[in-house]
Amino acid sequence: MENAAKLFTLPLSWKINSKSISNNTILQLTKKTKWIAFSDVPSEITGNNFIKNIADQKSNILIRGCSDEISLSLKEQKFERIKTGKEAVLNFDENHFEKKSLKELIRRGHKHGRTIELEYSEKNAARLIDFKKQTVHSEKPQLKYLFHDQFTCDMRLFVLENKSKEILAAVLVSVNSMDKFHTELLLRRKRAPVGVMEAIIYDVFQLLMKSSKKQLSLGEVPFSSANKETGESYKAKSIKRIGKFLRFAYNYEGLFNFKNKFNPDWQNVYLCVKPKLSIWHLIILANRTNLIKLIFSKIFQRKN
């Protein structure tokens, strides 16, 4: 555990706020189990207090997006931890853009526009909502409760605009710890030129590295393993098999390959449940997150 004056990394898509009161988004999964999907955590809360606040709750709890550090702490509080994927983390003291092929993509992307940060306002929040309707996969059912999809005052929004002020790509970033930014949205306009996503990620990295933080997370790739894993639990292996079966609906391998081109530090991501994970938890999670709708839309699309 880190120094008591410092907040360790939160579960993915939980974020630090400047207020003194926490704000949780809690969903009832089963009669006994609650899912804490999101939490705005006051910056003065320490890692020890974070774990204590979770463990003190009498209800059975499910939390996704936990790091090694969090999951081990929760395990001590009688939680089961199951590895569900990998998180791509870029360190500000490393060069993640040295590959010639990546440099070429960034160069091509910069030919079509420049990256700027949009200050928070109702107008810019509405602009992001409008842009999402024009992006790749916008016509499919959208996943819910796995990441923040709205621009709020405690997040940062970067867009790559062309000369006509048309947004070609967007990145929405939250603050996940005292040392880490977390990418909530990576969006690309339909038929956008090659390289715009690589260019905006490069630009956002350069802008954010000027802060006091040490890392930028590109987010999770569920079901994935960066390398061959050993010693995985039966439930972790089962979740990975489910992911492979669902590749036709959710192309996690394509997402992994895109993020892997930045040579990130791949870190384990866990699902933590008190007391145990059941098959019903997974089925209800798939329903609440819209994954089941996405699967059926792909099946009907194939038939047509």
C-alpha atoms as a PDB file:
ATOM      1  CA  MET A   1       0.000   0.000   0.000  1.00  0.00           C
ATOM      2  CA  GLU A   2       1.203   3.468  -0.803  1.00  0.00           C
ATOM      3  CA  ASN A   3       2.003   6.301   1.509  1.00  0.00           C
ATOM      4  CA  ALA A   4      -1.060   7.278   3.567  1.00  0.00           C
ATOM      5  CA  ALA A   5      -1.040  10.761   2.076  1.00  0.00           C
ATOM      6  CA  LYS A   6      -1.409   9.338  -1.401  1.00  0.00           C
ATOM      7  CA  LEU A   7      -4.336   7.625  -3.091  1.00  0.00           C
ATOM      8  CA  PHE A   8      -3.434   4.474  -4.945  1.00  0.00           C
ATOM      9  CA  THR A   9      -4.933   3.642  -8.349  1.00  0.00           C
ATOM     10  CA  LEU A  10      -8.697   3.260  -8.330  1.00  0.00           C
ATOM     11  CA  PRO A  11     -10.666   0.616 -10.233  1.00  0.00           C
ATOM     12  CA  LEU A  12     -10.973   1.541 -13.899  1.00  0.00           C
ATOM     13  CA  SER A  13     -13.442   4.361 -14.598  1.00  0.00           C
ATOM     14  CA  TRP A  14     -13.592   5.302 -10.921  1.00  0.00           C
ATOM     15  CA  LYS A  15     -12.224   8.818 -10.710  1.00  0.00           C
ATOM     16  CA  ILE A  16     -10.895  11.381  -8.277  1.00  0.00           C
ATOM     17  CA  ASN A  17     -12.959  14.493  -7.672  1.00  0.00           C
ATOM     18  CA  SER A  18     -12.197  17.735  -5.893  1.00  0.00           C
ATOM     19  CA  LYS A  19     -15.198  17.448  -3.567  1.00  0.00           C
ATOM     20  CA  SER A  20     -15.203  16.047  -0.043  1.00  0.00           C
ATOM     21  CA  ILE A  21     -18.140  13.683  -0.633  1.00  0.00           C
ATOM     22  CA  SER A  22     -17.981  10.495  -2.671  1.00  0.00           C
ATOM     23  CA  ASN A  23     -20.631   9.720  -5.272  1.00  0.00           C
ATOM     24  CA  ASN A  24     -21.287   6.103  -6.286  1.00  0.00           C
ATOM     25  CA  THR A  25     -23.213   4.528  -9.141  1.00  0.00           C
ATOM     26  CA  ILE A  26     -24.518   1.266  -7.665  1.00  0.00           C
ATOM     27  CA  LEU A  27     -26.534  -1.341  -9.538  1.00  0.00           C
ATOM     28  CA  GLN A  28     -28.366  -4.254  -7.943  1.00  0.00           C
ATOM     29  CA  LEU A  29     -27.150  -7.406  -9.708  1.00  0.00           C
ATOM     30  CA  THR A  30     -28.890 -10.046  -7.617  1.00  0.00           C
ATOM     31  CA  LYS A  31     -30.952  -9.947  -4.448  1.00  0.00           C
ATOM     32  CA  LYS A  32     -27.770 -10.027  -2.375  1.00  0.00           C
ATOM     33  CA  THR A  33     -25.091  -8.534  -4.635  1.00  0.00           C
ATOM     34  CA  LYS A  34     -24.494  -4.894  -5.564  1.00  0.00           C
ATOM     35  CA  TRP A  35     -22.205  -3.744  -8.361  1.00  0.00           C
ATOM     36  CA  ILE A  36     -20.320  -0.511  -7.705  1.00  0.00           C
ATOM     37  CA  ALA A  37     -19.940   0.497 -11.339  1.00  0.00           C
ATOM     38  CA  PHE A  38     -18.550   4.007 -10.834  1.00  0.00           C
ATOM     39  CA  SER A  39     -17.333   6.066  -7.920  1.00  0.00           C
ATOM     40  CA  ASP A  40     -16.166   9.657  -7.612  1.00  0.00           C
ATOM     41  CA  VAL A  41     -13.628   9.483  -4.813  1.00  0.00           C
ATOM     42  CA  PRO A  42     -12.470  12.541  -2.827  1.00  0.00           C
ATOM     43  CA  SER A  43      -8.758  13.149  -3.290  1.00  0.00           C
ATOM     44  CA  GLU A  44      -8.060  13.040   0.461  1.00  0.00           C
ATOM     45  CA  ILE A  45      -9.167   9.396   0.780  1.00  0.00           C
ATOM     46  CA  THR A  46      -6.143   7.110   1.133  1.00  0.00           C
ATOM     47  CA  GLY A  47      -5.660   3.597  -0.177  1.00  0.00           C
ATOM     48  CA  ASN A  48      -6.187   2.069   3.270  1.00  0.00           C
ATOM     49  CA  ASN A  49      -9.434   3.964   3.787  1.00  0.00           C
ATOM     50  CA  PHE A  50     -10.639   3.041   0.311  1.00  0.00           C
ATOM     51  CA  ILE A  51     -10.304  -0.673   1.076  1.00  0.00           C
ATOM     52  CA  LYS A  52     -11.821  -0.251   4.550  1.00  0.00           C
ATOM     53  CA  ASN A  53     -14.875   1.605   3.180  1.00  0.00           C
ATOM     54  CA  ILE A  54     -15.531  -1.203   0.694  1.00  0.00           C
ATOM     55  CA  ALA A  55     -14.970  -4.015   3.184  1.00  0.00           C
ATOM     56  CA  ASP A  56     -17.192  -2.408   5.828  1.00  0.00           C
ATOM     57  CA  GLN A  57     -20.269  -2.589   3.602  1.00  0.00           C
ATOM     58  CA  LYS A  58     -22.593  -5.384   4.691  1.00  0.00           C
ATOM     59  CA  SER A  59     -23.879  -6.185   1.197  1.00  0.00           C
ATOM     60  CA  ASN A  60     -22.162  -8.576  -1.153  1.00  0.00           C
ATOM     61  CA  ILE A  61     -20.114  -6.401  -3.507  1.00  0.00           C
ATOM     62  CA  LEU A  62     -18.841  -6.693  -7.093  1.00  0.00           C
ATOM     63  CA  ILE A  63     -16.173  -4.352  -8.491  1.00  0.00           C
ATOM     64  CA  ARG A  64     -14.626  -4.645 -11.953  1.00  0.00           C
ATOM     65  CA  GLY A  65     -11.433  -3.098 -13.313  1.00  0.00           C
ATOM     66  CA  CYS A  66      -9.294  -3.780 -10.255  1.00  0.00           C
ATOM     67  CA  SER A  67      -5.491  -3.718 -10.402  1.00  0.00           C
ATOM     68  CA  ASP A  68      -3.167  -6.295  -8.835  1.00  0.00           C
ATOM     69  CA  GLU A  69      -2.769  -3.978  -5.849  1.00  0.00           C
ATOM     70  CA  ILE A  70      -6.487  -3.426  -5.260  1.00  0.00           C
ATOM     71  CA  SER A  71      -7.470  -7.042  -5.897  1.00  0.00           C
ATOM     72  CA  LEU A  72      -4.904  -8.384  -3.432  1.00  0.00           C
ATOM     73  CA  SER A  73      -6.098  -5.939  -0.779  1.00  0.00           C
ATOM     74  CA  LEU A  74      -9.715  -6.937  -1.375  1.00  0.00           C
ATOM     75  CA  LYS A  75      -8.735 -10.613  -1.277  1.00  0.00           C
ATOM     76  CA  GLU A  76      -7.575 -10.042   2.301  1.00  0.00           C
ATOM     77  CA  GLN A  77     -11.113  -8.771   2.989  1.00  0.00           C
ATOM     78  CA  LYS A  78     -12.691 -12.056   1.795  1.00  0.00           C
ATOM     79  CA  PHE A  79     -13.232 -11.037  -1.846  1.00  0.00           C
ATOM     80  CA  GLU A  80     -12.648 -13.486  -4.685  1.00  0.00           C
ATOM     81  CA  ARG A  81     -10.508 -12.052  -7.491  1.00  0.00           C
ATOM     82  CA  ILE A  82     -10.708 -13.272 -11.098  1.00  0.00           C
ATOM     83  CA  LYS A  83      -8.470 -12.001 -13.881  1.00  0.00           C
ATOM     84  CA  THR A  84     -10.594 -10.679 -16.752  1.00  0.00           C
ATOM     85  CA  GLY A  85      -8.190  -8.844 -19.060  1.00  0.00           C
ATOM     86  CA  LYS A  86      -5.286  -6.440 -19.471  1.00  0.00           C
ATOM     87  CA  GLU A  87      -4.876  -2.685 -19.150  1.00  0.00           C
ATOM     88  CA  ALA A  88      -2.592  -0.774 -21.531  1.00  0.00           C
ATOM     89  CA  VAL A  89      -0.547   1.785 -19.562  1.00  0.00           C
ATOM     90  CA  LEU A  90       1.800   4.367 -21.093  1.00  0.00           C
ATOM     91  CA  ASN A  91       4.519   5.738 -18.807  1.00  0.00           C
ATOM     92  CA  PHE A  92       5.485   9.367 -19.298  1.00  0.00           C
ATOM     93  CA  ASP A  93       9.168   8.600 -18.720  1.00  0.00           C
ATOM     94  CA  GLU A  94       9.253   6.093 -21.611  1.00  0.00           C
ATOM     95  CA  ASN A  95       9.192   6.470 -25.396  1.00  0.00           C
ATOM     96  CA  HIS A  96       6.106   4.632 -26.626  1.00  0.00           C
ATOM     97  CA  PHE A  97       6.286   6.062 -30.137  1.00  0.00           C
ATOM     98  CA  GLU A  98       9.653   4.887 -31.448  1.00  0.00           C
ATOM     99  CA  LYS A  99       8.433   2.307 -33.997  1.00  0.00           C
ATOM    100  CA  LYS A 100       8.910   3.513 -37.567  1.00  0.00           C
ATOM    101  CA  SER A 101       5.483   2.197 -38.592  1.00  0.00           C
ATOM    102  CA  LEU A 102       3.818   4.088 -35.731  1.00  0.00           C
ATOM    103  CA  LYS A 103       5.718   7.297 -36.516  1.00  0.00           C
ATOM    104  CA  GLU A 104       4.513   7.066 -40.089  1.00  0.00           C
ATOM    105  CA  LEU A 105       0.878   6.664 -38.986  1.00  0.00           C
ATOM    106  CA  ILE A 106       1.221   9.662 -36.658  1.00  0.00           C
ATOM    107  CA  ARG A 107       2.717  11.716 -39.516  1.00  0.00           C
ATOM    108  CA  ARG A 108      -0.153  10.787 -41.830  1.00  0.00           C
ATOM    109  CA  GLY A 109      -2.702  11.639 -39.139  1.00  0.00           C
ATOM    110  CA  HIS A 110      -1.201  15.066 -38.527  1.00  0.00           C
ATOM    111  CA  LYS A 111      -1.607  15.891 -42.221  1.00  0.00           C
ATOM    112  CA  HIS A 112      -5.371  15.960 -41.713  1.00  0.00           C
ATOM    113  CA  GLY A 113      -5.715  18.123 -38.619  1.00  0.00           C
ATOM    114  CA  ARG A 114      -4.442  19.227 -35.243  1.00  0.00           C
ATOM    115  CA  THR A 115      -5.265  18.217 -31.674  1.00  0.00           C
ATOM    116  CA  ILE A 116      -6.717  20.741 -29.233  1.00  0.00           C
ATOM    117  CA  GLU A 117      -8.191  20.459 -25.739  1.00  0.00           C
ATOM    118  CA  LEU A 118     -11.780  21.602 -25.316  1.00  0.00           C
ATOM    119  CA  GLU A 119     -12.620  23.245 -22.016  1.00  0.00           C
ATOM    120  CA  TYR A 120     -15.640  21.892 -20.201  1.00  0.00           C
ATOM    121  CA  SER A 121     -18.916  23.618 -21.106  1.00  0.00           C
ATOM    122  CA  GLU A 122     -22.435  22.503 -21.903  1.00  0.00           C
ATOM    123  CA  LYS A 123     -21.733  23.377 -25.534  1.00  0.00           C
ATOM    124  CA  ASN A 124     -18.652  21.148 -25.722  1.00  0.00           C
ATOM    125  CA  ALA A 125     -20.398  18.336 -23.829  1.00  0.00           C
ATOM    126  CA  ALA A 126     -23.183  18.489 -26.423  1.00  0.00           C
ATOM    127  CA  ARG A 127     -20.587  18.576 -29.191  1.00  0.00           C
ATOM    128  CA  LEU A 128     -19.151  15.274 -27.954  1.00  0.00           C
ATOM    129  CA  ILE A 129     -22.625  13.707 -27.863  1.00  0.00           C
ATOM    130  CA  ASP A 130     -23.203  14.807 -31.453  1.00  0.00           C
ATOM    131  CA  PHE A 131     -19.810  13.509 -32.563  1.00  0.00           C
ATOM    132  CA  LYS A 132     -20.474  10.066 -31.051  1.00  0.00           C
ATOM    133  CA  LYS A 133     -23.386   9.677 -33.483  1.00  0.00           C
ATOM    134  CA  GLN A 134     -20.935  10.019 -36.375  1.00  0.00           C
ATOM    135  CA  THR A 135     -18.325   7.536 -35.180  1.00  0.00           C
ATOM    136  CA  VAL A 136     -17.398   3.956 -35.999  1.00  0.00           C
ATOM    137  CA  HIS A 137     -19.807   1.464 -34.342  1.00  0.00           C
ATOM    138  CA  SER A 138     -22.303   4.246 -33.475  1.00  0.00           C
ATOM    139  CA  GLU A 139     -25.165   2.261 -35.050  1.00  0.00           C
ATOM    140  CA  LYS A 140     -24.574  -0.753 -32.786  1.00  0.00           C
ATOM    141  CA  PRO A 141     -25.934  -1.111 -29.222  1.00  0.00           C
ATOM    142  CA  GLN A 142     -23.580   0.840 -26.970  1.00  0.00           C
ATOM    143  CA  LEU A 143     -21.913  -0.735 -23.946  1.00  0.00           C
ATOM    144  CA  LYS A 144     -22.930   0.802 -20.613  1.00  0.00           C
ATOM    145  CA  TYR A 145     -21.452   1.170 -17.115  1.00  0.00           C
ATOM    146  CA  LEU A 146     -17.963   0.074 -18.255  1.00  0.00           C
ATOM    147  CA  PHE A 147     -16.612   3.565 -18.970  1.00  0.00           C
ATOM    148  CA  HIS A 148     -17.768   7.180 -18.801  1.00  0.00           C
ATOM    149  CA  ASP A 149     -19.293   8.357 -22.061  1.00  0.00           C
ATOM    150  CA  GLN A 150     -20.244  11.920 -21.075  1.00  0.00           C
ATOM    151  CA  PHE A 151     -17.952  14.956 -20.814  1.00  0.00           C
ATOM    152  CA  THR A 152     -18.199  16.348 -17.263  1.00  0.00           C
ATOM    153  CA  CYS A 153     -16.347  19.105 -15.434  1.00  0.00           C
ATOM    154  CA  ASP A 154     -13.835  16.712 -13.799  1.00  0.00           C
ATOM    155  CA  MET A 155     -12.663  15.205 -17.106  1.00  0.00           C
ATOM    156  CA  ARG A 156     -10.578  16.418 -20.033  1.00  0.00           C
ATOM    157  CA  LEU A 157     -11.593  16.227 -23.691  1.00  0.00           C
ATOM    158  CA  PHE A 158      -9.173  16.315 -26.611  1.00  0.00           C
ATOM    159  CA  VAL A 159     -10.225  16.419 -30.266  1.00  0.00           C
ATOM    160  CA  LEU A 160      -8.377  16.287 -33.563  1.00  0.00           C
ATOM    161  CA  GLU A 161     -10.006  18.791 -35.912  1.00  0.00           C
ATOM    162  CA  ASN A 162      -9.483  19.369 -39.614  1.00  0.00           C
ATOM    163  CA  LYS A 163      -9.322  22.837 -41.195  1.00  0.00           C
ATOM    164  CA  SER A 164     -13.120  22.953 -41.385  1.00  0.00           C
ATOM    165  CA  LYS A 165     -13.369  22.449 -37.580  1.00  0.00           C
ATOM    166  CA  GLU A 166     -14.808  18.999 -38.186  1.00  0.00           C
ATOM    167  CA  ILE A 167     -13.849  16.516 -35.443  1.00  0.00           C
ATOM    168  CA  LEU A 168     -12.047  13.474 -36.837  1.00  0.00           C
ATOM    169  CA  ALA A 169     -11.107  11.835 -33.520  1.00  0.00           C
ATOM    170  CA  ALA A 170     -11.680  12.401 -29.808  1.00  0.00           C
ATOM    171  CA  VAL A 171     -10.171  11.208 -26.513  1.00  0.00           C
ATOM    172  CA  LEU A 172     -11.963  11.634 -23.170  1.00  0.00           C
ATOM    173  CA  VAL A 173      -9.727  11.369 -20.087  1.00  0.00           C
ATOM    174  CA  SER A 174     -10.446  11.055 -16.356  1.00  0.00           C
ATOM    175  CA  VAL A 175      -8.128  11.176 -13.330  1.00  0.00           C
ATOM    176  CA  ASN A 176      -7.778   7.643 -11.957  1.00  0.00           C
ATOM    177  CA  SER A 177      -5.222   8.340  -9.215  1.00  0.00           C
ATOM    178  CA  MET A 178      -2.758  10.948  -8.032  1.00  0.00           C
ATOM    179  CA  ASP A 179      -0.291   9.592 -10.616  1.00  0.00           C
ATOM    180  CA  LYS A 180      -2.485   8.370 -13.452  1.00  0.00           C
ATOM    181  CA  PHE A 181      -4.840   9.535 -16.186  1.00  0.00           C
ATOM    182  CA  HIS A 182      -7.341   7.052 -17.603  1.00  0.00           C
ATOM    183  CA  THR A 183      -8.794   7.079 -21.122  1.00  0.00           C
ATOM    184  CA  GLU A 184     -12.574   6.702 -21.047  1.00  0.00           C
ATOM    185  CA  LEU A 185     -13.346   7.142 -24.748  1.00  0.00           C
ATOM    186  CA  LEU A 186     -11.326   6.656 -27.932  1.00  0.00           C
ATOM    187  CA  LEU A 187     -13.522   7.771 -30.823  1.00  0.00           C
ATOM    188  CA  ARG A 188     -12.951   7.967 -34.584  1.00  0.00           C
ATOM    189  CA  ARG A 189     -15.246   9.431 -37.207  1.00  0.00           C
ATOM    190  CA  LYS A 190     -16.538   7.007 -39.819  1.00  0.00           C
ATOM    191  CA  ARG A 191     -14.229   6.944 -42.842  1.00  0.00           C
ATOM    192  CA  ALA A 192     -11.714   9.177 -41.041  1.00  0.00           C
ATOM    193  CA  PRO A 193      -8.261   9.293 -42.662  1.00  0.00           C
ATOM    194  CA  VAL A 194      -5.646   6.720 -41.704  1.00  0.00           C
ATOM    195  CA  GLY A 195      -3.508   7.732 -38.731  1.00  0.00           C
ATOM    196  CA  VAL A 196      -5.833  10.145 -36.929  1.00  0.00           C
ATOM    197  CA  MET A 197      -6.185   7.885 -33.858  1.00  0.00           C
ATOM    198  CA  GLU A 198      -2.445   7.338 -33.596  1.00  0.00           C
ATOM    199  CA  ALA A 199      -1.889  11.094 -33.997  1.00  0.00           C
ATOM    200  CA  ILE A 200      -4.348  12.136 -31.303  1.00  0.00           C
ATOM    201  CA  ILE A 201      -3.004   9.589 -28.812  1.00  0.00           C
ATOM    202  CA  TYR A 202       0.526  10.869 -29.459  1.00  0.00           C
ATOM    203  CA  ASP A 203      -0.633  14.480 -28.968  1.00  0.00           C
ATOM    204  CA  VAL A 204      -2.602  13.715 -25.784  1.00  0.00           C
ATOM    205  CA  PHE A 205       0.421  11.880 -24.363  1.00  0.00           C
ATOM    206  CA  GLN A 206       2.650  14.910 -25.072  1.00  0.00           C
ATOM    207  CA  LEU A 207       0.169  17.319 -23.485  1.00  0.00           C
ATOM    208  CA  LEU A 208      -0.534  15.252 -20.372  1.00  0.00           C
ATOM    209  CA  MET A 209       3.092  14.371 -19.678  1.00  0.00           C
ATOM    210  CA  LYS A 210       3.598  18.027 -18.720  1.00  0.00           C
ATOM    211  CA  SER A 211       1.485  17.388 -15.612  1.00  0.00           C
ATOM    212  CA  SER A 212       2.753  15.969 -12.319  1.00  0.00           C
ATOM    213  CA  LYS A 213       1.314  12.540 -13.110  1.00  0.00           C
ATOM    214  CA  LYS A 214       3.330   9.563 -14.304  1.00  0.00           C
ATOM    215  CA  GLN A 215       1.024   7.512 -16.521  1.00  0.00           C
ATOM    216  CA  LEU A 216      -1.715   7.540 -19.135  1.00  0.00           C
ATOM    217  CA  SER A 217      -3.886   4.432 -19.311  1.00  0.00           C
ATOM    218  CA  LEU A 218      -5.407   3.572 -22.682  1.00  0.00           C
ATOM    219  CA  GLY A 219      -7.937   1.429 -20.848  1.00  0.00           C
ATOM    220  CA  GLU A 220      -8.761  -2.235 -20.575  1.00  0.00           C
ATOM    221  CA  VAL A 221      -8.885  -4.947 -23.195  1.00  0.00           C
ATOM    222  CA  PRO A 222     -11.232  -7.568 -21.707  1.00  0.00           C
ATOM    223  CA  PHE A 223     -10.672 -11.301 -22.260  1.00  0.00           C
ATOM    224  CA  SER A 224      -7.092 -10.683 -23.411  1.00  0.00           C
ATOM    225  CA  SER A 225      -3.627 -11.795 -22.354  1.00  0.00           C
ATOM    226  CA  ALA A 226      -0.537 -10.007 -23.558  1.00  0.00           C
ATOM    227  CA  ASN A 227       1.472 -13.204 -23.173  1.00  0.00           C
ATOM    228  CA  LYS A 228       0.774 -16.830 -22.370  1.00  0.00           C
ATOM    229  CA  GLU A 229      -0.435 -16.981 -18.799  1.00  0.00           C
ATOM    230  CA  THR A 230       0.229 -19.689 -16.222  1.00  0.00           C
ATOM    231  CA  GLY A 231      -1.579 -20.401 -12.988  1.00  0.00           C
ATOM    232  CA  GLU A 232      -4.885 -18.801 -14.000  1.00  0.00           C
ATOM    233  CA  SER A 233      -7.946 -19.881 -12.064  1.00  0.00           C
ATOM    234  CA  TYR A 234     -10.675 -21.996 -13.624  1.00  0.00           C
ATOM    235  CA  LYS A 235     -13.048 -19.007 -13.612  1.00  0.00           C
ATOM    236  CA  ALA A 236     -10.467 -16.756 -15.302  1.00  0.00           C
ATOM    237  CA  LYS A 237      -9.918 -19.378 -18.015  1.00  0.00           C
ATOM    238  CA  SER A 238     -13.687 -19.745 -18.436  1.00  0.00           C
ATOM    239  CA  ILE A 239     -14.127 -15.973 -18.897  1.00  0.00           C
ATOM    240  CA  LYS A 240     -11.353 -15.995 -21.506  1.00  0.00           C
ATOM    241  CA  ARG A 241     -13.128 -18.838 -23.371  1.00  0.00           C
ATOM    242  CA  ILE A 242     -16.376 -16.871 -23.312  1.00  0.00           C
ATOM    243  CA  GLY A 243     -14.521 -13.915 -24.821  1.00  0.00           C
ATOM    244  CA  LYS A 244     -13.150 -16.053 -27.650  1.00  0.00           C
ATOM    245  CA  PHE A 245     -16.638 -17.390 -28.364  1.00  0.00           C
ATOM    246  CA  LEU A 246     -17.987 -13.813 -28.543  1.00  0.00           C
ATOM    247  CA  ARG A 247     -15.292 -12.423 -30.846  1.00  0.00           C
ATOM    248  CA  PHE A 248     -17.835 -12.160 -33.671  1.00  0.00           C
ATOM    249  CA  ALA A 249     -19.715  -9.557 -31.599  1.00  0.00           C
ATOM    250  CA  TYR A 250     -16.902  -7.908 -29.618  1.00  0.00           C
ATOM    251  CA  ASN A 251     -13.546  -7.822 -31.392  1.00  0.00           C
ATOM    252  CA  TYR A 252     -11.266  -7.579 -28.369  1.00  0.00           C
ATOM    253  CA  GLU A 253      -8.318  -8.891 -30.417  1.00  0.00           C
ATOM    254  CA  GLY A 254      -8.543  -5.890 -32.752  1.00  0.00           C
ATOM    255  CA  LEU A 255      -8.659  -3.586 -29.732  1.00  0.00           C
ATOM    256  CA  PHE A 256      -5.630  -5.342 -28.242  1.00  0.00           C
ATOM    257  CA  ASN A 257      -3.658  -5.049 -31.491  1.00  0.00           C
ATOM    258  CA  PHE A 258      -4.448  -1.331 -31.761  1.00  0.00           C
ATOM    259  CA  LYS A 259      -3.322  -0.536 -28.205  1.00  0.00           C
ATOM    260  CA  ASN A 260      -0.335  -2.871 -28.420  1.00  0.00           C
ATOM    261  CA  LYS A 261       1.228  -0.813 -31.228  1.00  0.00           C
ATOM    262  CA  PHE A 262       2.076   1.812 -28.563  1.00  0.00           C
ATOM    263  CA  ASN A 263       4.202  -0.755 -26.692  1.00  0.00           C
ATOM    264  CA  PRO A 264       2.320  -0.251 -23.416  1.00  0.00           C
ATOM    265  CA  ASP A 265       2.989  -1.733 -20.036  1.00  0.00           C
ATOM    266  CA  TRP A 266       0.297  -4.439 -19.947  1.00  0.00           C
ATOM    267  CA  GLN A 267      -1.146  -4.821 -16.454  1.00  0.00           C
ATOM    268  CA  ASN A 268      -3.626  -7.389 -15.149  1.00  0.00           C
ATOM    269  CA  VAL A 269      -7.247  -6.400 -14.561  1.00  0.00           C
ATOM    270  CA  TYR A 270      -9.475  -8.268 -12.114  1.00  0.00           C
ATOM    271  CA  LEU A 271     -13.116  -8.691 -11.215  1.00  0.00           C
ATOM    272  CA  CYS A 272     -13.479  -8.724  -7.411  1.00  0.00           C
ATOM    273  CA  VAL A 273     -16.555 -10.200  -5.757  1.00  0.00           C
ATOM    274  CA  LYS A 274     -17.534 -10.740  -2.137  1.00  0.00           C
ATOM    275  CA  PRO A 275     -17.891 -13.582  -1.356  1.00  0.00           C
ATOM    276  CA  LYS A 276     -17.760 -15.484  -4.699  1.00  0.00           C
ATOM    277  CA  LEU A 277     -18.436 -14.964  -8.413  1.00  0.00           C
ATOM    278  CA  SER A 278     -21.364 -16.948  -9.810  1.00  0.00           C
ATOM    279  CA  ILE A 279     -22.546 -17.605 -13.362  1.00  0.00           C
ATOM    280  CA  TRP A 280     -25.584 -15.435 -12.596  1.00  0.00           C
ATOM    281  CA  HIS A 281     -23.334 -12.487 -11.901  1.00  0.00           C
ATOM    282  CA  LEU A 282     -21.792 -12.827 -15.385  1.00  0.00           C
ATOM    283  CA  ILE A 283     -25.167 -13.216 -17.115  1.00  0.00           C
ATOM    284  CA  ILE A 284     -26.652 -10.185 -15.364  1.00  0.00           C
ATOM    285  CA  LEU A 285     -23.486  -8.153 -16.007  1.00  0.00           C
ATOM    286  CA  ALA A 286     -23.741  -9.013 -19.710  1.00  0.00           C
ATOM    287  CA  ASN A 287     -27.341  -7.820 -19.687  1.00  0.00           C
ATOM    288  CA  ARG A 288     -26.801  -4.603 -17.706  1.00  0.00           C
ATOM    289  CA  THR A 289     -23.796  -3.586 -19.827  1.00  0.00           C
ATOM    290  CA  ASN A 290     -25.709  -4.137 -23.108  1.00  0.00           C
ATOM    291  CA  LEU A 291     -23.328  -6.908 -24.181  1.00  0.00           C
ATOM    292  CA  ILE A 292     -26.273  -9.262 -24.798  1.00  0.00           C
ATOM    293  CA  LYS A 293     -27.944  -6.655 -27.037  1.00  0.00           C
ATOM    294  CA  LEU A 294     -24.678  -6.284 -28.945  1.00  0.00           C
ATOM    295  CA  ILE A 295     -24.444 -10.060 -29.422  1.00  0.00           C
ATOM    296  CA  PHE A 296     -28.003 -10.363 -30.737  1.00  0.00           C
ATOM    297  CA  SER A 297     -27.560  -7.387 -33.069  1.00  0.00           C
ATOM    298  CA  LYS A 298     -24.526  -9.122 -34.592  1.00  0.00           C
ATOM    299  CA  ILE A 299     -26.456 -12.400 -34.963  1.00  0.00           C
ATOM    300  CA  PHE A 300     -29.369 -10.676 -36.738  1.00  0.00           C
ATOM    301  CA  GLN A 301     -26.927  -8.722 -38.900  1.00  0.00           C
ATOM    302  CA  ARG A 302     -25.345 -12.004 -40.028  1.00  0.00           C
ATOM    303  CA  LYS A 303     -28.728 -13.489 -40.915  1.00  0.00           C
ATOM    304  CA  ASN A 304     -29.601 -10.466 -43.022  1.00  0.00           C
END
